[in-house]
C-alpha atoms as a PDB file:
ATOM      1  CA  UNK A   1      21.394  11.026  -8.399  1.00  0.00           C
ATOM      2  CA  UNK A   2      19.094   9.101  -6.491  1.00  0.00           C
ATOM      3  CA  UNK A   3      20.145   9.307  -2.564  1.00  0.00           C
ATOM      4  CA  UNK A   4      18.108   7.513  -0.135  1.00  0.00           C
ATOM      5  CA  UNK A   5      18.009  10.612   2.224  1.00  0.00           C
ATOM      6  CA  UNK A   6      15.423  12.395  -0.413  1.00  0.00           C
ATOM      7  CA  UNK A   7      12.531  11.051  -2.800  1.00  0.00           C
ATOM      8  CA  UNK A   8      13.565  10.787  -6.442  1.00  0.00           C
ATOM      9  CA  UNK A   9      12.646  13.645  -8.682  1.00  0.00           C
ATOM     10  CA  UNK A  10       9.941  12.791 -11.087  1.00  0.00           C
ATOM     11  CA  UNK A  11      11.508  14.931 -14.047  1.00  0.00           C
ATOM     12  CA  UNK A  12      14.933  13.687 -13.304  1.00  0.00           C
ATOM     13  CA  UNK A  13      14.514   9.967 -12.066  1.00  0.00           C
ATOM     14  CA  UNK A  14      10.889   9.375 -13.809  1.00  0.00           C
ATOM     15  CA  UNK A  15      12.119   5.615 -14.270  1.00  0.00           C
ATOM     16  CA  UNK A  16      11.245   5.382 -10.675  1.00  0.00           C
ATOM     17  CA  UNK A  17       7.781   6.066 -11.219  1.00  0.00           C
ATOM     18  CA  UNK A  18       6.979   4.814 -14.265  1.00  0.00           C
ATOM     19  CA  UNK A  19       4.322   2.276 -14.563  1.00  0.00           C
ATOM     20  CA  UNK A  20       3.665   2.449 -10.419  1.00  0.00           C
ATOM     21  CA  UNK A  21      -0.049   3.219 -10.676  1.00  0.00           C
ATOM     22  CA  UNK A  22      -0.708   0.101 -12.764  1.00  0.00           C
ATOM     23  CA  UNK A  23       1.233  -1.811 -10.483  1.00  0.00           C
ATOM     24  CA  UNK A  24      -0.061  -0.591  -7.377  1.00  0.00           C
ATOM     25  CA  UNK A  25      -3.502  -1.757  -8.884  1.00  0.00           C
ATOM     26  CA  UNK A  26      -2.320  -5.405  -9.610  1.00  0.00           C
ATOM     27  CA  UNK A  27      -0.492  -5.346  -6.259  1.00  0.00           C
ATOM     28  CA  UNK A  28      -3.771  -4.482  -4.828  1.00  0.00           C
ATOM     29  CA  UNK A  29      -5.592  -7.403  -6.386  1.00  0.00           C
ATOM     30  CA  UNK A  30      -2.660  -9.704  -5.388  1.00  0.00           C
ATOM     31  CA  UNK A  31      -3.120  -8.515  -1.667  1.00  0.00           C
ATOM     32  CA  UNK A  32      -6.887  -8.888  -1.710  1.00  0.00           C
ATOM     33  CA  UNK A  33      -6.541 -12.173  -3.081  1.00  0.00           C
ATOM     34  CA  UNK A  34      -3.943 -13.371  -0.237  1.00  0.00           C
ATOM     35  CA  UNK A  35      -5.900 -11.973   2.440  1.00  0.00           C
ATOM     36  CA  UNK A  36      -8.936 -14.129   1.351  1.00  0.00           C
ATOM     37  CA  UNK A  37      -7.029 -17.005   1.523  1.00  0.00           C
ATOM     38  CA  UNK A  38      -5.694 -15.940   5.235  1.00  0.00           C
ATOM     39  CA  UNK A  39      -9.388 -15.130   6.319  1.00  0.00           C
ATOM     40  CA  UNK A  40     -10.697 -18.404   4.925  1.00  0.00           C
ATOM     41  CA  UNK A  41      -7.889 -20.120   6.904  1.00  0.00           C
ATOM     42  CA  UNK A  42      -8.920 -18.409  10.091  1.00  0.00           C
ATOM     43  CA  UNK A  43     -12.643 -19.224   9.313  1.00  0.00           C
ATOM     44  CA  UNK A  44     -11.341 -22.604   9.328  1.00  0.00           C
ATOM     45  CA  UNK A  45      -9.717 -22.442  12.381  1.00  0.00           C
ATOM     46  CA  UNK A  46     -12.557 -21.004  13.944  1.00  0.00           C
ATOM     47  CA  UNK A  47     -14.760 -24.544  12.895  1.00  0.00           C
ATOM     48  CA  UNK A  48     -16.476 -22.399  10.768  1.00  0.00           C
ATOM     49  CA  UNK A  49     -18.289 -20.224  13.559  1.00  0.00           C
ATOM     50  CA  UNK A  50     -16.127 -17.000  12.090  1.00  0.00           C
ATOM     51  CA  UNK A  51     -18.523 -16.850   9.086  1.00  0.00           C
ATOM     52  CA  UNK A  52     -21.152 -14.964  11.622  1.00  0.00           C
ATOM     53  CA  UNK A  53     -18.443 -12.290  11.792  1.00  0.00           C
ATOM     54  CA  UNK A  54     -16.853 -13.107   8.357  1.00  0.00           C
ATOM     55  CA  UNK A  55     -16.523  -9.163   7.437  1.00  0.00           C
ATOM     56  CA  UNK A  56     -14.886  -8.296  10.820  1.00  0.00           C
ATOM     57  CA  UNK A  57     -12.284 -11.182  10.213  1.00  0.00           C
ATOM     58  CA  UNK A  58     -11.784  -9.977   6.902  1.00  0.00           C
ATOM     59  CA  UNK A  59     -10.930  -6.359   8.017  1.00  0.00           C
ATOM     60  CA  UNK A  60      -8.982  -7.440  11.101  1.00  0.00           C
ATOM     61  CA  UNK A  61      -6.904  -9.512   8.813  1.00  0.00           C
ATOM     62  CA  UNK A  62      -6.406  -7.009   6.059  1.00  0.00           C
ATOM     63  CA  UNK A  63      -5.490  -4.140   8.290  1.00  0.00           C
ATOM     64  CA  UNK A  64      -2.852  -6.305  10.238  1.00  0.00           C
ATOM     65  CA  UNK A  65      -1.783  -7.656   6.905  1.00  0.00           C
ATOM     66  CA  UNK A  66      -1.314  -4.178   5.388  1.00  0.00           C
ATOM     67  CA  UNK A  67       0.342  -2.595   8.367  1.00  0.00           C
ATOM     68  CA  UNK A  68       2.503  -5.167   9.306  1.00  0.00           C
ATOM     69  CA  UNK A  69       4.087  -5.907   6.052  1.00  0.00           C
ATOM     70  CA  UNK A  70       4.359  -1.976   5.295  1.00  0.00           C
ATOM     71  CA  UNK A  71       6.135  -1.449   8.479  1.00  0.00           C
ATOM     72  CA  UNK A  72       8.601  -4.520   7.717  1.00  0.00           C
ATOM     73  CA  UNK A  73       9.311  -4.280   4.088  1.00  0.00           C
ATOM     74  CA  UNK A  74       7.711  -1.048   2.940  1.00  0.00           C
ATOM     75  CA  UNK A  75       5.459  -2.738   0.887  1.00  0.00           C
ATOM     76  CA  UNK A  76       2.764  -5.832   1.037  1.00  0.00           C
ATOM     77  CA  UNK A  77       3.239  -9.269  -0.456  1.00  0.00           C
ATOM     78  CA  UNK A  78       1.581  -7.818  -3.550  1.00  0.00           C
ATOM     79  CA  UNK A  79       3.895  -4.773  -3.705  1.00  0.00           C
ATOM     80  CA  UNK A  80       7.059  -6.914  -3.350  1.00  0.00           C
ATOM     81  CA  UNK A  81       5.661  -9.128  -6.412  1.00  0.00           C
ATOM     82  CA  UNK A  82       5.269  -6.201  -8.418  1.00  0.00           C
ATOM     83  CA  UNK A  83       8.726  -4.595  -7.745  1.00  0.00           C
ATOM     84  CA  UNK A  84       7.392  -1.474  -6.027  1.00  0.00           C
ATOM     85  CA  UNK A  85       7.975   0.017  -2.380  1.00  0.00           C
ATOM     86  CA  UNK A  86       6.952   3.140  -0.201  1.00  0.00           C
ATOM     87  CA  UNK A  87       9.047   5.526   0.756  1.00  0.00           C
ATOM     88  CA  UNK A  88       8.328   8.566   3.731  1.00  0.00           C
ATOM     89  CA  UNK A  89       8.700  11.895   2.732  1.00  0.00           C
ATOM     90  CA  UNK A  90      12.407  12.084   3.484  1.00  0.00           C
ATOM     91  CA  UNK A  91      13.120   8.695   1.371  1.00  0.00           C
ATOM     92  CA  UNK A  92      13.422   6.043   3.887  1.00  0.00           C
ATOM     93  CA  UNK A  93      10.993   2.962   4.218  1.00  0.00           C
ATOM     94  CA  UNK A  94       8.686   2.970   6.344  1.00  0.00           C
ATOM     95  CA  UNK A  95       8.417   2.863  10.171  1.00  0.00           C
ATOM     96  CA  UNK A  96       5.614   1.198  11.910  1.00  0.00           C
ATOM     97  CA  UNK A  97       3.999   4.434  13.018  1.00  0.00           C
ATOM     98  CA  UNK A  98       3.828   5.914   9.347  1.00  0.00           C
ATOM     99  CA  UNK A  99       2.938   2.312   8.281  1.00  0.00           C
ATOM    100  CA  UNK A 100      -0.199   2.471  10.546  1.00  0.00           C
ATOM    101  CA  UNK A 101      -1.279   6.323   9.672  1.00  0.00           C
ATOM    102  CA  UNK A 102      -0.799   4.842   5.978  1.00  0.00           C
ATOM    103  CA  UNK A 103      -2.825   2.037   6.603  1.00  0.00           C
ATOM    104  CA  UNK A 104      -5.429   4.252   8.013  1.00  0.00           C
ATOM    105  CA  UNK A 105      -5.699   6.488   5.745  1.00  0.00           C
ATOM    106  CA  UNK A 106      -6.001   4.003   2.994  1.00  0.00           C
ATOM    107  CA  UNK A 107      -9.475   2.642   4.871  1.00  0.00           C
ATOM    108  CA  UNK A 108     -10.648   6.220   5.441  1.00  0.00           C
ATOM    109  CA  UNK A 109     -10.372   7.267   1.653  1.00  0.00           C
ATOM    110  CA  UNK A 110     -12.136   4.091   1.143  1.00  0.00           C
ATOM    111  CA  UNK A 111     -14.918   4.833   3.272  1.00  0.00           C
ATOM    112  CA  UNK A 112     -16.945   7.130   0.342  1.00  0.00           C
ATOM    113  CA  UNK A 113     -16.774   6.841  -3.044  1.00  0.00           C
ATOM    114  CA  UNK A 114     -15.746  10.183  -3.921  1.00  0.00           C
ATOM    115  CA  UNK A 115     -12.684  10.027  -1.581  1.00  0.00           C
ATOM    116  CA  UNK A 116     -11.806   6.506  -3.218  1.00  0.00           C
ATOM    117  CA  UNK A 117     -11.787   8.108  -6.528  1.00  0.00           C
ATOM    118  CA  UNK A 118      -9.851  11.334  -5.864  1.00  0.00           C
ATOM    119  CA  UNK A 119      -7.426   9.321  -4.652  1.00  0.00           C
ATOM    120  CA  UNK A 120      -6.956   6.791  -7.578  1.00  0.00           C
ATOM    121  CA  UNK A 121      -7.232   9.960  -9.687  1.00  0.00           C
ATOM    122  CA  UNK A 122      -4.611  11.700  -7.977  1.00  0.00           C
ATOM    123  CA  UNK A 123      -2.288   8.277  -8.710  1.00  0.00           C
ATOM    124  CA  UNK A 124      -2.782   8.933 -11.947  1.00  0.00           C
ATOM    125  CA  UNK A 125      -2.076  12.549 -12.070  1.00  0.00           C
ATOM    126  CA  UNK A 126       0.013  13.699  -9.641  1.00  0.00           C
ATOM    127  CA  UNK A 127       4.126  13.642 -10.366  1.00  0.00           C
ATOM    128  CA  UNK A 128       4.867  11.409  -8.253  1.00  0.00           C
ATOM    129  CA  UNK A 129       1.550   8.979  -8.613  1.00  0.00           C
ATOM    130  CA  UNK A 130       0.482   9.705  -4.959  1.00  0.00           C
ATOM    131  CA  UNK A 131      -3.119   8.740  -3.734  1.00  0.00           C
ATOM    132  CA  UNK A 132      -4.770  11.084  -1.173  1.00  0.00           C
ATOM    133  CA  UNK A 133      -2.969   8.956   1.593  1.00  0.00           C
ATOM    134  CA  UNK A 134       0.198   9.511   0.135  1.00  0.00           C
ATOM    135  CA  UNK A 135       0.028  13.479  -0.305  1.00  0.00           C
ATOM    136  CA  UNK A 136      -1.326  13.791   3.401  1.00  0.00           C
ATOM    137  CA  UNK A 137       1.894  11.996   4.508  1.00  0.00           C
ATOM    138  CA  UNK A 138       4.330  12.357   1.709  1.00  0.00           C
ATOM    139  CA  UNK A 139       4.790   9.095   1.388  1.00  0.00           C
ATOM    140  CA  UNK A 140       5.150   7.922  -2.587  1.00  0.00           C
ATOM    141  CA  UNK A 141       5.228   4.167  -4.006  1.00  0.00           C
ATOM    142  CA  UNK A 142       8.444   3.758  -6.382  1.00  0.00           C
ATOM    143  CA  UNK A 143       9.826   1.185  -8.629  1.00  0.00           C
ATOM    144  CA  UNK A 144      12.020  -0.799  -6.245  1.00  0.00           C
ATOM    145  CA  UNK A 145      15.398   0.290  -6.574  1.00  0.00           C
ATOM    146  CA  UNK A 146      18.273  -2.694  -7.318  1.00  0.00           C
ATOM    147  CA  UNK A 147      20.158  -1.729  -3.889  1.00  0.00           C
ATOM    148  CA  UNK A 148      16.715  -2.293  -2.055  1.00  0.00           C
END
């Protein structure tokens, strides 16, 4: 039986991990679209002068979007739409510090193609579908239980 104090075992409770890797990919696409829309709104609010630093604005919006949503709901809006959430190594929702570390790890693993490919590969082959940052932090994305 699943208890909130521990991560579900992938053998005994495979339903928590079924399809999560593909859902993470879909959630990422939704999140990029939402961040792009927010970024466009910021550019409009700057009377289009923000276009001169568009990449910086996008990265700042994306970083805050991911960190705040992971810290508050343990999932980004895209993840909530696809029915997944993150848990820490003890099976609890992410606290703000762990959410910050996860967001930093997301950016660090995206800095090189090799790290990004390794992370994606790990999501497909590891028992819990964990990426590189998840392995380091002990976090896991699962299908959201009905009681959450």
